[in-house]
Each structure stands twice: as structure tokens, then as C-alpha cells.
Protein backbone atom coordinates (compact mmCIF):
# COMPACT_ATOMS: atom_id res chain seq x y z
CA MET A 1 148.17 66.26 181.64
CA LYS A 2 144.61 65.78 182.80
CA LYS A 3 144.35 69.33 184.06
CA ASN A 4 145.30 70.77 180.68
CA LEU A 5 143.15 68.87 178.20
CA SER A 6 142.12 71.90 176.20
CA PHE A 7 142.81 69.94 173.02
CA LEU A 8 139.77 67.83 173.73
CA LEU A 9 137.68 70.88 173.06
CA ALA A 10 138.87 70.77 169.42
CA LEU A 11 136.25 73.44 168.77
CA THR A 12 133.68 71.33 170.58
CA LEU A 13 133.46 72.52 174.13
CA VAL A 14 131.83 75.77 175.15
CA CYS A 15 132.07 77.34 171.73
CA THR A 16 130.56 74.37 169.98
CA SER A 17 128.03 73.26 172.50
CA LEU A 18 126.67 76.66 173.45
CA VAL A 19 128.58 79.27 171.56
CA MET A 20 129.51 77.63 168.31
CA GLY A 21 126.51 75.57 167.38
CA GLY A 22 126.19 71.91 166.52
CA CYS A 23 124.80 70.95 169.93
CA GLY A 24 122.44 68.40 171.38
CA SER A 25 118.97 69.28 172.53
CA GLN A 26 118.70 71.08 175.83
CA GLU A 27 116.31 69.81 178.45
CA GLU A 28 116.72 72.47 181.13
CA LYS A 29 116.46 75.51 178.88
CA LYS A 30 113.34 74.93 176.80
CA PRO A 31 110.90 77.65 175.85
CA GLU A 32 108.31 77.86 178.57
CA ALA A 33 105.28 78.17 176.31
CA ASP A 34 104.05 76.24 173.33
CA GLN A 35 105.62 77.40 170.11
CA GLN A 36 104.21 77.16 166.62
CA THR A 37 106.66 76.13 164.00
CA THR A 38 106.37 76.33 160.26
CA PRO A 39 105.20 73.19 158.42
CA GLN A 40 106.89 72.43 155.13
CA THR A 41 103.72 72.96 153.10
CA THR A 42 102.39 75.55 150.70
CA GLN A 43 100.92 78.79 152.04
CA ALA A 44 102.98 78.56 155.21
CA ALA A 45 101.91 81.92 156.60
CA GLN A 46 103.11 82.04 160.19
CA THR A 47 103.94 84.30 163.09
CA THR A 48 106.86 83.63 165.36
CA GLN A 49 105.09 82.34 168.43
CA ALA A 50 108.34 81.20 170.02
CA ALA A 51 109.69 84.71 169.95
CA GLN A 52 106.49 86.24 171.26
CA THR A 53 105.58 83.75 173.98
CA THR A 54 108.90 82.24 174.98
CA ASP A 55 108.37 83.01 178.63
CA LYS A 56 105.22 84.04 180.45
CA GLU A 57 106.60 84.33 183.94
CA ASP A 58 107.62 87.61 185.53
CA THR A 59 111.28 88.16 184.70
CA SER A 60 111.63 91.60 186.26
CA THR A 61 114.53 91.03 188.63
CA LYS A 62 117.30 92.83 190.39
CA ARG A 63 119.85 91.24 188.12
CA GLU A 64 120.84 93.06 184.98
CA GLN A 65 119.89 91.32 181.75
CA VAL A 66 123.54 90.68 180.89
CA LEU A 67 124.85 87.28 179.80
CA ASN A 68 128.56 86.45 179.90
CA VAL A 69 129.54 83.70 177.46
CA PRO A 70 132.89 81.86 177.23
CA PHE A 71 134.70 81.52 173.91
CA ASP A 72 137.89 79.50 173.63
CA ASN A 73 139.19 81.09 170.44
CA GLU A 74 139.03 84.15 168.22
CA PRO A 75 136.35 84.04 165.48
CA ASP A 76 137.97 83.35 162.14
CA SER A 77 135.95 85.87 160.13
CA LEU A 78 132.61 87.66 160.05
CA ASP A 79 132.73 87.97 156.29
CA LEU A 80 129.69 85.79 155.73
CA ALA A 81 131.01 84.15 152.58
CA ARG A 82 134.03 82.97 154.54
CA VAL A 83 132.44 81.90 157.83
CA SER A 84 133.46 78.24 158.08
CA ASP A 85 134.23 77.78 161.78
CA SER A 86 131.64 77.41 164.51
CA SER A 87 132.69 80.38 166.62
CA SER A 88 132.40 82.76 163.66
CA ALA A 89 129.01 81.27 162.76
CA THR A 90 127.78 81.79 166.31
CA VAL A 91 128.85 85.42 166.39
CA ALA A 92 127.30 86.03 162.96
CA SER A 93 124.05 84.36 164.04
CA GLN A 94 123.57 86.84 166.89
CA ILE A 95 123.81 89.91 164.65
CA ILE A 96 122.35 88.61 161.38
CA GLU A 97 119.19 86.63 160.81
CA GLY A 98 118.23 84.57 157.77
CA LEU A 99 114.93 83.50 156.28
CA THR A 100 114.44 81.10 159.19
CA SER A 101 116.11 80.16 162.45
CA VAL A 102 116.12 76.83 164.22
CA VAL A 103 114.67 76.73 167.72
CA THR A 104 114.47 73.94 170.28
CA VAL A 105 110.90 73.11 171.26
CA ASN A 106 110.26 70.36 173.81
CA GLY A 107 113.63 68.81 173.01
CA ALA A 108 113.14 68.91 169.22
CA ASP A 109 114.64 71.29 166.67
CA LYS A 110 112.23 73.10 164.35
CA ALA A 111 112.53 75.91 161.84
CA GLU A 112 110.64 79.10 162.62
CA PRO A 113 110.02 82.12 160.37
CA CYS A 114 112.44 85.02 160.72
CA MET A 115 113.08 87.38 157.82
CA ALA A 116 110.61 85.25 155.88
CA GLU A 117 107.15 85.84 157.29
CA SER A 118 105.68 83.09 155.14
CA TRP A 119 106.47 80.96 152.10
CA ASP A 120 104.97 78.84 149.35
CA VAL A 121 106.48 75.67 147.91
CA SER A 122 105.65 74.01 144.61
CA ASP A 123 104.21 70.51 144.46
CA ASP A 124 107.54 69.07 143.32
CA GLN A 125 109.32 70.79 146.27
CA LEU A 126 111.74 72.50 143.88
CA THR A 127 110.51 76.11 143.91
CA TRP A 128 110.25 78.04 147.17
CA THR A 129 108.81 81.54 147.29
CA PHE A 130 109.56 83.48 150.46
CA HIS A 131 107.57 86.54 151.51
CA LEU A 132 109.73 88.84 153.61
CA ARG A 133 108.42 90.71 156.61
CA ASP A 134 109.00 94.42 157.17
CA ALA A 135 112.41 94.47 158.82
CA GLN A 136 115.42 96.74 159.02
CA TRP A 137 119.15 96.51 159.24
CA ALA A 138 120.57 98.01 162.41
CA ASP A 139 121.32 101.28 160.58
CA GLY A 140 117.67 101.65 159.54
CA VAL A 141 118.01 100.42 155.93
CA PRO A 142 115.14 98.08 154.95
CA VAL A 143 115.97 94.38 154.48
CA LYS A 144 115.25 93.46 150.86
CA ALA A 145 115.07 90.26 148.85
CA GLN A 146 118.07 91.47 146.87
CA ASP A 147 120.17 91.27 150.05
CA PHE A 148 119.59 87.51 150.06
CA VAL A 149 120.33 87.22 146.35
CA TYR A 150 123.61 89.08 146.83
CA GLY A 151 124.63 87.13 149.95
CA ILE A 152 123.91 83.71 148.45
CA THR A 153 125.41 84.39 145.02
CA ARG A 154 128.49 85.82 146.69
CA VAL A 155 128.99 82.43 148.38
CA LEU A 156 128.58 80.73 144.99
CA ASN A 157 130.79 83.17 143.09
CA PRO A 158 134.01 81.33 142.15
CA GLU A 159 135.94 84.58 142.63
CA THR A 160 134.96 84.52 146.32
CA ALA A 161 136.36 81.00 146.77
CA SER A 162 133.95 80.52 149.66
CA PRO A 163 134.74 77.52 151.88
CA ILE A 164 131.01 77.00 152.54
CA SER A 165 129.67 76.93 148.98
CA ALA A 166 128.96 73.19 149.25
CA ASN A 167 126.49 73.94 152.07
CA ILE A 168 124.04 75.26 149.47
CA LYS A 169 124.86 73.07 146.52
CA PHE A 170 121.18 72.04 146.36
CA ILE A 171 120.31 75.42 144.81
CA LYS A 172 119.69 75.06 141.08
CA ASN A 173 122.95 75.27 139.09
CA ALA A 174 124.88 76.07 142.27
CA MET A 175 127.85 73.79 141.67
CA ASP A 176 128.07 74.74 137.99
CA VAL A 177 128.33 78.35 139.12
CA VAL A 178 130.96 77.50 141.75
CA GLU A 179 132.99 75.62 139.14
CA GLY A 180 132.69 78.50 136.69
CA THR A 181 130.82 76.57 133.99
CA LYS A 182 127.69 78.73 134.34
CA PRO A 183 127.32 82.45 135.14
CA LEU A 184 126.02 83.75 138.46
CA THR A 185 122.82 84.81 136.76
CA GLU A 186 121.88 81.16 136.27
CA ALA A 187 121.93 80.33 139.98
CA GLY A 188 118.41 79.43 141.10
CA ILE A 189 117.73 82.52 143.16
CA LYS A 190 116.08 85.81 142.28
CA ALA A 191 114.28 88.75 143.83
CA ILE A 192 110.74 89.00 142.43
CA ASP A 193 110.43 92.35 144.19
CA ASP A 194 111.78 93.91 147.38
CA LYS A 195 109.70 91.60 149.57
CA THR A 196 109.57 88.39 147.51
CA LEU A 197 112.43 85.94 147.08
CA GLU A 198 112.34 82.86 144.87
CA ILE A 199 114.77 79.97 145.32
CA GLN A 200 114.82 77.02 142.93
CA LEU A 201 116.43 73.72 143.90
CA ASP A 202 118.06 71.01 141.81
CA TYR A 203 116.36 68.31 143.88
CA PRO A 204 113.98 68.09 146.87
CA VAL A 205 115.75 68.86 150.16
CA PRO A 206 113.90 67.69 153.29
CA TYR A 207 116.07 69.86 155.54
CA PHE A 208 115.81 72.98 153.35
CA LEU A 209 114.08 75.21 155.92
CA GLU A 210 116.76 74.32 158.47
CA ALA A 211 119.45 75.07 155.87
CA CYS A 212 117.88 78.51 155.39
CA ALA A 213 119.04 79.31 158.93
CA GLY A 214 122.70 78.71 158.03
CA THR A 215 125.21 81.48 157.39
CA ALA A 216 125.60 80.48 153.72
CA MET A 217 122.06 81.76 153.15
CA PHE A 218 122.28 84.93 155.23
CA PRO A 219 121.47 88.30 153.65
CA VAL A 220 124.42 90.59 152.93
CA ARG A 221 124.53 94.31 152.23
CA GLN A 222 126.27 94.82 148.90
CA ASP A 223 126.96 98.48 149.67
CA LEU A 224 128.90 97.55 152.82
CA VAL A 225 130.97 94.86 151.10
CA GLU A 226 131.87 97.34 148.40
CA LYS A 227 132.59 100.07 150.94
CA TYR A 228 134.91 98.01 153.17
CA GLY A 229 136.36 95.62 150.60
CA THR A 230 138.70 93.03 152.14
CA SER A 231 138.20 94.56 155.59
CA TYR A 232 134.45 93.78 155.55
CA GLY A 233 133.58 91.82 158.68
CA THR A 234 137.01 92.24 160.30
CA GLU A 235 135.93 94.78 162.94
CA ALA A 236 132.76 95.60 164.83
CA ASP A 237 132.27 98.80 162.84
CA LYS A 238 132.72 97.06 159.48
CA ILE A 239 129.58 94.94 159.49
CA VAL A 240 125.91 95.77 160.04
CA GLY A 241 123.34 93.17 161.01
CA ASN A 242 119.58 92.72 161.07
CA GLY A 243 119.45 90.32 164.01
CA PRO A 244 118.55 90.57 167.70
CA PHE A 245 121.93 92.00 168.76
CA VAL A 246 124.40 94.61 167.57
CA LEU A 247 128.14 93.94 167.79
CA ASP A 248 129.39 97.00 169.69
CA GLU A 249 133.01 96.09 170.24
CA TRP A 250 135.44 93.41 169.10
CA ILE A 251 138.71 93.38 170.99
CA HIS A 252 140.61 90.76 169.04
CA THR A 253 141.72 87.69 171.02
CA SER A 254 139.98 89.16 174.09
CA SER A 255 136.23 89.77 173.82
CA LEU A 256 133.15 90.61 171.76
CA SER A 257 130.42 92.80 173.24
CA PHE A 258 126.84 92.99 171.98
CA SER A 259 123.78 95.01 172.89
CA LYS A 260 120.11 94.54 172.10
CA ASN A 261 119.21 95.77 168.62
CA PRO A 262 116.32 98.26 168.98
CA THR A 263 115.52 98.04 165.25
CA TYR A 264 115.13 94.23 165.30
CA TRP A 265 111.70 93.24 163.99
CA ASN A 266 110.89 91.29 167.16
CA ALA A 267 112.84 93.33 169.70
CA ASP A 268 110.07 92.96 172.30
CA ALA A 269 110.93 89.24 172.59
CA VAL A 270 114.61 89.95 173.35
CA LYS A 271 115.15 90.27 177.08
CA LEU A 272 118.92 90.49 177.25
CA GLU A 273 120.28 94.01 177.13
CA LYS A 274 123.91 92.95 176.86
CA LEU A 275 125.69 89.81 175.61
CA ASN A 276 129.42 89.43 176.21
CA PHE A 277 131.65 86.77 174.65
CA LYS A 278 134.87 86.42 176.63
CA ILE A 279 137.71 84.76 174.74
CA ILE A 280 139.55 82.60 177.29
CA SER A 281 141.79 80.03 175.65
CA GLU A 282 142.82 78.13 178.78
CA ALA A 283 140.19 75.72 180.08
CA THR A 284 141.42 76.09 183.68
CA ALA A 285 140.91 79.84 183.47
CA ARG A 286 137.40 79.39 182.10
CA VAL A 287 136.34 77.15 184.98
CA GLY A 288 137.88 79.55 187.50
CA GLU A 289 136.09 82.51 185.91
CA PHE A 290 132.81 80.57 186.05
CA GLU A 291 133.20 79.67 189.73
CA ASN A 292 134.01 83.30 190.51
CA GLY A 293 130.79 84.42 188.80
CA GLY A 294 132.44 86.03 185.78
CA LEU A 295 130.86 83.55 183.36
CA ASP A 296 127.28 82.34 183.27
CA TYR A 297 128.12 78.84 182.05
CA VAL A 298 131.15 76.73 181.29
CA SER A 299 132.06 73.40 179.73
CA ALA A 300 133.97 71.02 181.99
CA ASP A 301 136.36 68.80 180.06
CA THR A 302 137.86 66.63 182.81
CA ALA A 303 136.34 64.21 185.28
CA GLU A 304 137.89 66.21 188.13
CA TRP A 305 136.20 69.43 187.08
CA ILE A 306 132.87 67.70 186.54
CA GLU A 307 133.05 66.18 190.02
CA GLN A 308 134.12 69.51 191.50
CA LEU A 309 131.28 71.46 189.90
CA GLU A 310 128.68 68.75 190.56
CA SER A 311 129.65 68.33 194.19
CA SER A 312 129.19 72.05 194.87
CA GLY A 313 125.45 71.67 194.30
CA LYS A 314 125.36 75.22 192.92
CA TYR A 315 124.94 74.65 189.21
CA VAL A 316 122.66 73.12 186.58
CA LYS A 317 124.38 70.44 184.50
CA GLU A 318 123.64 69.36 180.94
CA THR A 319 125.42 66.66 178.96
CA ILE A 320 125.25 66.96 175.18
CA ASN A 321 126.25 64.33 172.63
CA LEU A 322 127.31 66.57 169.80
CA PRO A 323 126.94 65.82 166.07
CA ARG A 324 130.67 66.45 165.80
CA THR A 325 133.73 64.29 165.15
CA GLN A 326 137.36 64.97 166.07
CA TYR A 327 139.85 63.88 163.45
CA ILE A 328 143.35 64.05 161.99
CA PHE A 329 143.83 65.09 158.36
CA PHE A 330 146.69 65.21 155.85
CA ASN A 331 147.87 67.41 153.02
CA GLN A 332 148.08 64.90 150.21
CA GLU A 333 150.17 67.24 148.09
CA VAL A 334 152.96 66.25 150.48
CA GLU A 335 154.65 63.22 148.91
CA LEU A 336 154.54 61.09 152.04
CA PHE A 337 150.78 61.46 152.49
CA SER A 338 149.94 60.93 148.83
CA ASN A 339 150.20 57.20 149.54
CA ALA A 340 147.11 55.47 150.96
CA LYS A 341 149.12 52.83 152.85
CA VAL A 342 151.07 55.54 154.67
CA ARG A 343 147.84 57.26 155.72
CA GLN A 344 146.31 53.91 156.72
CA ALA A 345 149.33 53.21 158.94
CA PHE A 346 148.73 56.47 160.80
CA SER A 347 145.08 55.57 161.27
CA ILE A 348 145.77 52.02 162.48
CA ALA A 349 148.54 53.17 164.84
CA LEU A 350 146.18 55.47 166.72
CA ASP A 351 144.83 53.84 169.89
CA ARG A 352 141.39 55.38 170.17
CA GLU A 353 140.50 53.42 173.30
CA GLU A 354 143.60 54.76 175.01
CA ILE A 355 142.57 58.29 174.08
CA GLN A 356 139.10 57.66 175.46
CA ARG A 357 140.29 55.95 178.64
CA ASP A 358 143.48 57.72 179.64
CA ILE A 359 143.25 61.12 178.04
CA SER A 360 139.60 62.10 177.80
CA GLN A 361 138.77 60.10 180.96
CA ASN A 362 135.81 58.49 179.19
CA LEU A 363 134.24 61.88 178.52
CA GLU A 364 134.59 61.40 174.75
CA LYS A 365 133.64 58.24 172.89
CA ALA A 366 136.21 56.53 170.64
CA ALA A 367 135.38 57.09 166.96
CA TYR A 368 135.64 54.32 164.36
CA GLY A 369 133.50 56.11 161.80
CA TRP A 370 133.18 59.62 160.40
CA ILE A 371 129.44 60.24 160.94
CA PRO A 372 128.79 60.60 164.71
CA PRO A 373 126.26 58.36 166.50
CA SER A 374 123.92 61.32 167.08
CA MET A 375 123.12 61.54 163.35
CA ALA A 376 120.52 59.72 161.29
CA LEU A 377 119.83 58.89 157.65
CA ASP A 378 116.16 59.08 156.73
CA GLY A 379 115.19 58.32 160.32
CA THR A 380 117.65 55.46 160.94
CA ASN A 381 120.80 55.82 163.04
CA PHE A 382 123.66 56.03 160.56
CA ARG A 383 126.23 54.16 162.68
CA GLU A 384 123.84 51.23 162.98
CA LEU A 385 123.63 51.15 159.17
CA ALA A 386 127.34 51.60 158.47
CA GLY A 387 129.04 49.67 161.26
CA GLU A 388 132.60 50.61 162.23
CA PRO A 389 134.82 50.79 159.12
CA VAL A 390 137.97 51.81 160.99
CA GLN A 391 137.76 48.74 163.22
CA GLU A 392 137.67 46.61 160.07
CA LEU A 393 140.72 48.44 158.71
CA ILE A 394 142.60 47.80 161.95
CA ALA A 395 141.64 44.10 161.98
CA ALA A 396 142.89 43.66 158.42
CA ASN A 397 146.25 45.35 159.13
CA PRO A 398 147.61 44.36 162.56
CA ASP A 399 151.11 45.81 161.95
CA PRO A 400 150.92 49.55 161.18
CA LYS A 401 154.70 49.98 160.94
CA ALA A 402 154.97 47.24 158.31
CA LEU A 403 152.18 48.94 156.35
CA LEU A 404 154.03 52.25 156.59
CA ILE A 405 157.17 50.65 155.17
CA GLU A 406 155.14 49.16 152.30
CA GLY A 407 153.91 52.65 151.51
CA LEU A 408 157.44 54.05 151.61
CA LYS A 409 158.55 51.38 149.14
CA GLU A 410 155.73 52.28 146.78
CA LEU A 411 156.82 55.92 146.96
CA GLY A 412 160.45 55.04 146.33
CA MET A 413 161.42 56.71 149.60
CA ASP A 414 163.91 55.59 152.24
CA GLU A 415 162.30 52.69 154.10
CA ASP A 416 163.64 53.75 157.49
CA PRO A 417 160.76 55.52 159.34
CA SER A 418 163.22 57.15 161.77
CA LYS A 419 164.42 59.34 158.91
CA ILE A 420 160.94 60.81 158.46
CA THR A 421 160.10 64.11 160.16
CA ILE A 422 156.55 65.46 159.92
CA GLN A 423 155.27 68.92 160.85
CA LEU A 424 152.04 68.65 162.89
CA MET A 425 150.08 71.90 162.66
CA CYS A 426 148.00 72.46 165.79
CA ARG A 427 146.29 75.23 167.67
CA ASN A 428 148.60 76.80 170.22
CA THR A 429 146.02 76.07 172.93
CA THR A 430 145.77 72.32 172.19
CA THR A 431 149.38 71.19 172.33
CA VAL A 432 148.76 68.50 174.97
CA PHE A 433 147.06 66.28 172.41
CA ALA A 434 149.74 67.18 169.89
CA GLU A 435 152.35 65.93 172.35
CA TYR A 436 150.39 62.69 172.73
CA LEU A 437 150.39 62.20 168.96
CA GLN A 438 154.09 63.00 168.86
CA HIS A 439 154.84 60.26 171.38
CA ASN A 440 152.34 57.74 169.97
CA TYR A 441 153.50 57.92 166.37
CA ASN A 442 157.14 57.75 167.36
CA ALA A 443 156.48 54.66 169.48
CA LYS A 444 154.16 52.89 167.00
CA LEU A 445 155.61 53.94 163.64
CA GLY A 446 159.09 55.20 164.45
CA VAL A 447 158.52 58.56 162.75
CA ASN A 448 159.46 61.96 164.18
CA ILE A 449 156.74 64.55 164.75
CA GLU A 450 157.59 68.22 165.15
CA LEU A 451 154.87 70.44 166.61
CA ASP A 452 153.81 73.53 164.70
CA PRO A 453 151.48 75.47 167.05
CA VAL A 454 149.67 78.52 165.65
CA GLU A 455 146.73 80.81 166.45
CA TRP A 456 143.33 79.59 165.23
CA PRO A 457 142.90 82.12 162.38
CA VAL A 458 146.38 81.21 161.14
CA PHE A 459 145.49 77.51 161.38
CA GLN A 460 142.39 78.08 159.25
CA GLU A 461 144.21 80.15 156.64
CA ARG A 462 147.06 77.67 156.30
CA ASN A 463 144.59 74.81 156.05
CA ARG A 464 142.76 76.53 153.19
CA ASN A 465 146.02 77.21 151.38
CA LEU A 466 147.33 73.64 151.83
CA ASP A 467 150.22 75.15 153.77
CA TYR A 468 150.62 72.27 156.23
CA GLU A 469 151.59 68.61 156.36
CA MET A 470 149.31 67.14 159.00
CA GLY A 471 146.78 68.61 161.41
CA TYR A 472 143.77 67.85 163.60
CA LYS A 473 140.53 69.54 164.50
CA SER A 474 136.81 68.72 164.64
CA TYR A 475 133.81 69.20 162.41
CA GLY A 476 130.13 69.38 163.27
CA ALA A 477 127.12 68.84 161.03
CA ASP A 478 124.86 71.72 159.98
CA PHE A 479 121.79 69.52 159.50
CA ASN A 480 120.76 65.96 160.29
CA ASP A 481 121.78 64.25 157.06
CA PRO A 482 125.10 62.49 156.32
CA SER A 483 125.71 64.84 153.40
CA SER A 484 126.36 67.64 155.89
CA MET A 485 129.63 65.94 156.87
CA MET A 486 130.33 63.82 153.81
CA ASP A 487 130.36 66.82 151.46
CA LEU A 488 133.64 67.99 152.99
CA TRP A 489 135.56 65.42 150.96
CA ILE A 490 133.96 66.03 147.56
CA THR A 491 136.55 67.10 145.00
CA GLY A 492 137.08 70.86 145.11
CA THR A 493 135.36 71.53 148.44
CA LYS A 494 137.33 74.27 150.18
CA THR A 495 136.16 73.91 153.79
CA VAL A 496 138.98 71.55 154.89
CA PRO A 497 141.27 71.12 151.86
CA THR A 498 143.36 67.93 151.80
CA ALA A 499 143.99 67.63 148.01
CA TRP A 500 142.25 64.21 148.07
CA SER A 501 139.96 63.40 145.17
CA SER A 502 137.87 60.37 144.26
CA PRO A 503 135.48 60.39 141.29
CA THR A 504 133.79 57.28 142.74
CA TYR A 505 133.20 59.05 146.05
CA ASP A 506 131.87 62.15 144.28
CA GLU A 507 129.45 60.11 142.19
CA LEU A 508 128.16 58.14 145.18
CA LEU A 509 127.34 61.34 147.06
CA THR A 510 125.86 63.17 144.09
CA THR A 511 123.54 60.26 143.34
CA ALA A 512 122.54 59.78 146.99
CA GLU A 513 121.78 63.43 147.61
CA LYS A 514 119.56 63.77 144.54
CA SER A 515 117.64 60.57 145.19
CA ILE A 516 114.47 59.99 147.19
CA ASP A 517 115.12 56.21 147.19
CA LYS A 518 115.99 55.43 150.82
CA GLU A 519 117.70 52.13 150.02
CA LEU A 520 119.91 53.74 147.38
CA ARG A 521 120.75 56.64 149.70
CA ALA A 522 121.72 54.25 152.49
CA LYS A 523 123.85 52.10 150.20
CA ASN A 524 125.69 55.08 148.68
CA PHE A 525 126.33 56.98 151.90
CA VAL A 526 127.62 53.87 153.66
CA GLU A 527 129.90 53.02 150.75
CA ALA A 528 131.16 56.60 150.48
CA GLU A 529 132.06 56.75 154.17
CA ARG A 530 133.86 53.43 153.84
CA ILE A 531 135.96 54.80 150.95
CA VAL A 532 137.07 57.91 152.79
CA LEU A 533 137.99 55.87 155.90
CA GLU A 534 139.60 52.90 154.15
CA GLU A 535 141.82 55.29 152.21
CA ALA A 536 142.48 57.14 155.48
CA THR A 537 141.81 60.49 153.92
CA ILE A 538 140.94 61.43 157.49
CA ILE A 539 141.47 59.71 160.83
CA PRO A 540 138.50 60.10 163.17
CA TYR A 541 139.43 59.46 166.79
CA ALA A 542 136.63 60.80 169.03
CA TYR A 543 132.97 61.77 168.98
CA SER A 544 132.44 65.01 170.84
CA THR A 545 130.53 65.33 174.07
CA SER A 546 130.12 68.46 176.14
CA ASN A 547 129.27 68.73 179.83
CA ILE A 548 127.87 72.18 180.47
CA PHE A 549 127.36 73.79 183.86
CA TYR A 550 125.03 76.80 184.12
CA GLN A 551 124.56 79.36 186.83
CA PRO A 552 121.02 78.66 188.10
CA TYR A 553 119.68 82.05 187.04
CA VAL A 554 120.45 81.46 183.33
CA LYS A 555 117.26 80.64 181.42
CA ASN A 556 116.16 79.77 177.90
CA ILE A 557 119.39 79.49 175.98
CA MET A 558 118.52 77.46 172.90
CA ASN A 559 120.97 74.90 171.59
CA PRO A 560 119.75 73.56 168.25
CA GLN A 561 121.65 70.42 167.40
CA PHE A 562 122.78 71.48 163.94
CA THR A 563 122.81 75.29 163.91
CA ALA A 564 124.25 78.05 166.05
CA THR A 565 123.15 78.65 169.63
CA LEU A 566 120.41 81.25 170.01
CA PHE A 567 120.59 83.83 172.76
CA LYS A 568 117.69 85.98 171.60
CA TYR A 569 115.24 84.20 173.94
CA ALA A 570 117.64 83.89 176.88
CA TYR A 571 117.22 85.86 180.09
CA ILE A 572 118.57 86.21 183.60
CA GLU A 573 116.23 85.21 186.41
CA GLU A 574 116.61 86.29 190.03
């Protein structure tokens, strides 16, 4: 079992720590020169010093500037309005660039100007005016403010049914547009002219410049969407970017190949000539490929592999505590899981310490909350504020099987758990953990679990369509505020549909997110997390950690904690 723990990746290993985004700060791979970042003030005219002065040493070497990156699953989609998984976001972030990007400078994440050369912000922090630099798409077409208007309103358009619309709900009238109560034209975004973009917000957002680096705010070419229709973003030749790399080839379930984009506005700062993402679903195969020199870094997910790679003395190691939580979720349109006591029984019956000790070999920390320990609220660690709600739930209900039977009575169902059979949807590369759940829930609750393994894109599609009974995966924050993870459970959010709804929860979050009162925000976020955990809408079981091993010649990969990994400043050193 320990040699096959690919389930512990749960989208958090290589593809989340280096390839997917949502990573911790990186100490070994910092920019080697001071970088100027953009302050959140008016008249923020800047130049991208990080891009221009990332590395001052001589990097002319015998090695080719080619980086080979491991991916453990196929990207779900490169249609930017539908990019909701980390691997897709990482691919998109190499070929498309937004108003800003987030770089890691001396261990801290900061927003730097990208398509926006400068910006102004009103005194009330509600109106942002971005001045675009002269830049081109890879086919030579100029990047215009209208491309941002189209891309953002396409995410908000209810006809798109974008799973990431909640990521930009701070835009004026955004949620009214998503819900269809106001037209697209009333969304707070407009092109003043080809080079000037105005975005109005419903309330001040301290992380707004970081959010501008997310895929929900990427520019999109309307002519290409209209040309390719539903096939937009499904193949390498059906999407054009404006970023540092061009996607040359996409061999589905096998690899993605990129080359340096010669039309990129800051192409001189890009040292890599080629970037290859190799899709290798089996963790054992990834480690073997790394040791044979076919990969330039790898995530080790067992104690044996960590010891093996460390003892060789050949590699550079980095341990990252990710802002990401692994969890089980339910389709509450299924009668069984419409009952809170039934869901609570499944949460209480899960031995998180056993998972940490015997399965993850203490490489992942047991989770008794939804917000991971690496996240803060207004500068204070959120877990210190909120405590451990799941531990309290367990203490109050020592007999999970008895609680399950109570729930069955309330539903008017047969009270014999052995007559219950549940379909557990899982990725076909993570069945080891599925087998653990199968055994655990049979032993603790007496229910029968049948495994339903599928490919990742199928998993995502079935999740969105509520075509499942029970599943598990992980989710990582896009910015350092609890709302980044709490918004998933607001009524109508399509990122991870569960059919759960709570007006009280919705109101708590809406009030907290629009407030500048720190005490109110803390009170509401803590209470909202407690609701979602006490009702067992989700069952968190582990906080993600990644142990990355690099070949020693790999330099300057940037791993922002809450946005996709950047390879545009990476290089190969002899």
C-alpha cells in the first residue's frame, strides 16, 4: 500500500505544488536580484523589474534551456471560463497572462505588472483603472482592453455556467449578472479605449491585484471563441495566448509541449526555450523518471521515497505546506446524504490520525477544519481563531453508527446499514485511498462502498452535473483570505456542486466579505466554517504537504502560494 499512495496527491503533489499552483513559498528558487513590486496606491506606474533582472549571473551553459515538468493528470480544460482545476490553471498561466502575475520575492508573494503597465485606484478603493502596455497575442494581434472585458464577462455570463464565477464576485453587480437578475452590460467592467480598462468593485478587496492574476480575469479573444465554438481550448491549435510560452502540442493523457513565445512583451527575460509537461499518473513511474534524468523535479509522497532521494545526496529538497485541504463530499440530491446526521456519521467515523500515521506516514497533517493552517484572516492564523470544529463534532457523538441509524430513521429508510450500498466516485489513479474508505466505512458504519473509478476529466464533469453519490478530492486557495475556500459552499456555486444550501451560511459570508470590520469578519468566517463542518457538508481529512526534489541545475522556478507556478523566469544552469 505504501508504495502506491498516489491518492495522497489528490491534486496536491507535483501538479499542485509546482505545476498546479497553490504552493508554499520557495526558499531555494528565489529571484537572484531585487525586484520592484507594485504598491496598491494611485498612479502605480511600474516596470517589471523581476522579469528584467531575475538573474544577473552568466547562464550560458552546455545544457539546453529545456525544462521537463511532471503532471499527474490530464488538464480538464483550457477554455478559460471553465478552468477550475489546478493543472488546467497552470497550463493556461504559461500561455496567457493577465493584468498582473504573482511572483515570489525573498519568500513573499507580490503582484507585479504584466499586461497592465500601470494603474490608478480611487480613494474608496472601488474603481481601478488599468493602463495596458503594448503587447501582442502569439499570432501578432494586439492585446486590447476589450479582450479583458470579453473574458471576464464570459465568466459572469449565466449562459456560460462558469464554475469559477465566484472567484470574481467582488466585481460590481457580478453575482446579479451570474444569477441573471441584471444584464452583462451592468457588470462593473468596461474598456475606456483599446489601452484603458476600468473595473469597479462592490467593496474594497485587499487581495485584488493578486486576484487579477487568476484565470477568471484573463483576457480572451472573442474571435477565437466564436471560431472554434465548443472546441475552443480543447487542442493546442484551438487557443492562442499572449504569455511567455506557446502551446505547440497537446497529446491528450500523455504530454503538453511549449516553446518560448517570441512575440511576448518581455521575451528577453524568458530563458527557457522549451517547456515540457509529461503526464505520468503513477507516482512510482514519476520518481523513476526523475532518477533517470527524464524529469527535472518530482514530488515524493512516501517516507521511503523521501529517504531514498535524500540519501542520494544528488538533489535539492523543498517542503511546502500547501494552502490546500483534502476532503470527502456528498451529492445531497441523493436521499441518503440529504440527512445531516448521516453525513455527520461519515465524518465522525473517519479516523484522521490513522490516515496521517499509517497511510500518509506523517507526511500529511490530519485535518479537523476546512481552512488549512497556512492561511490567515486579516493577518491572524485562521486555525488559531477557529479551533478544530470536527474534533468537537467527534467528541459530541462518540458512536457514529448509532448516529447513522438515527439519520436513517429520520429518512424513513431501512435502519440496517448493511443494506446500504454507496457508489464512491474516485480518480482511477487514486484507488488505494478509495479502498481504505471502503474498508473503514464498512467496519465503522456497516455500509457497503462500491468503487467507481474514472478519468479526471470525467470526474470533473460528473461532479458538475451532480452525477455521483460520494467522492473525494482536494481544493487549494487562490488568495490568502478564507473567502477563497469558503465561497465554494455558497448556494449556486458551481465549482464543486453538492446541492447543499444554507441561507445563514450565505449571509455570514456575504456580510464578512463586504466588511472592513476585522472583528465582524473573524466572527462570521469562524461561524460559517463551523456550520459547513457541523452539518458535514464536506469531510476534511488532511492538509496537503508536498516534498519536492529538484535536479541541482534547475533554477528560479517561482511557486506563489495562491496562484499558478511561474516558469517564465526559470532556467537551466550547468
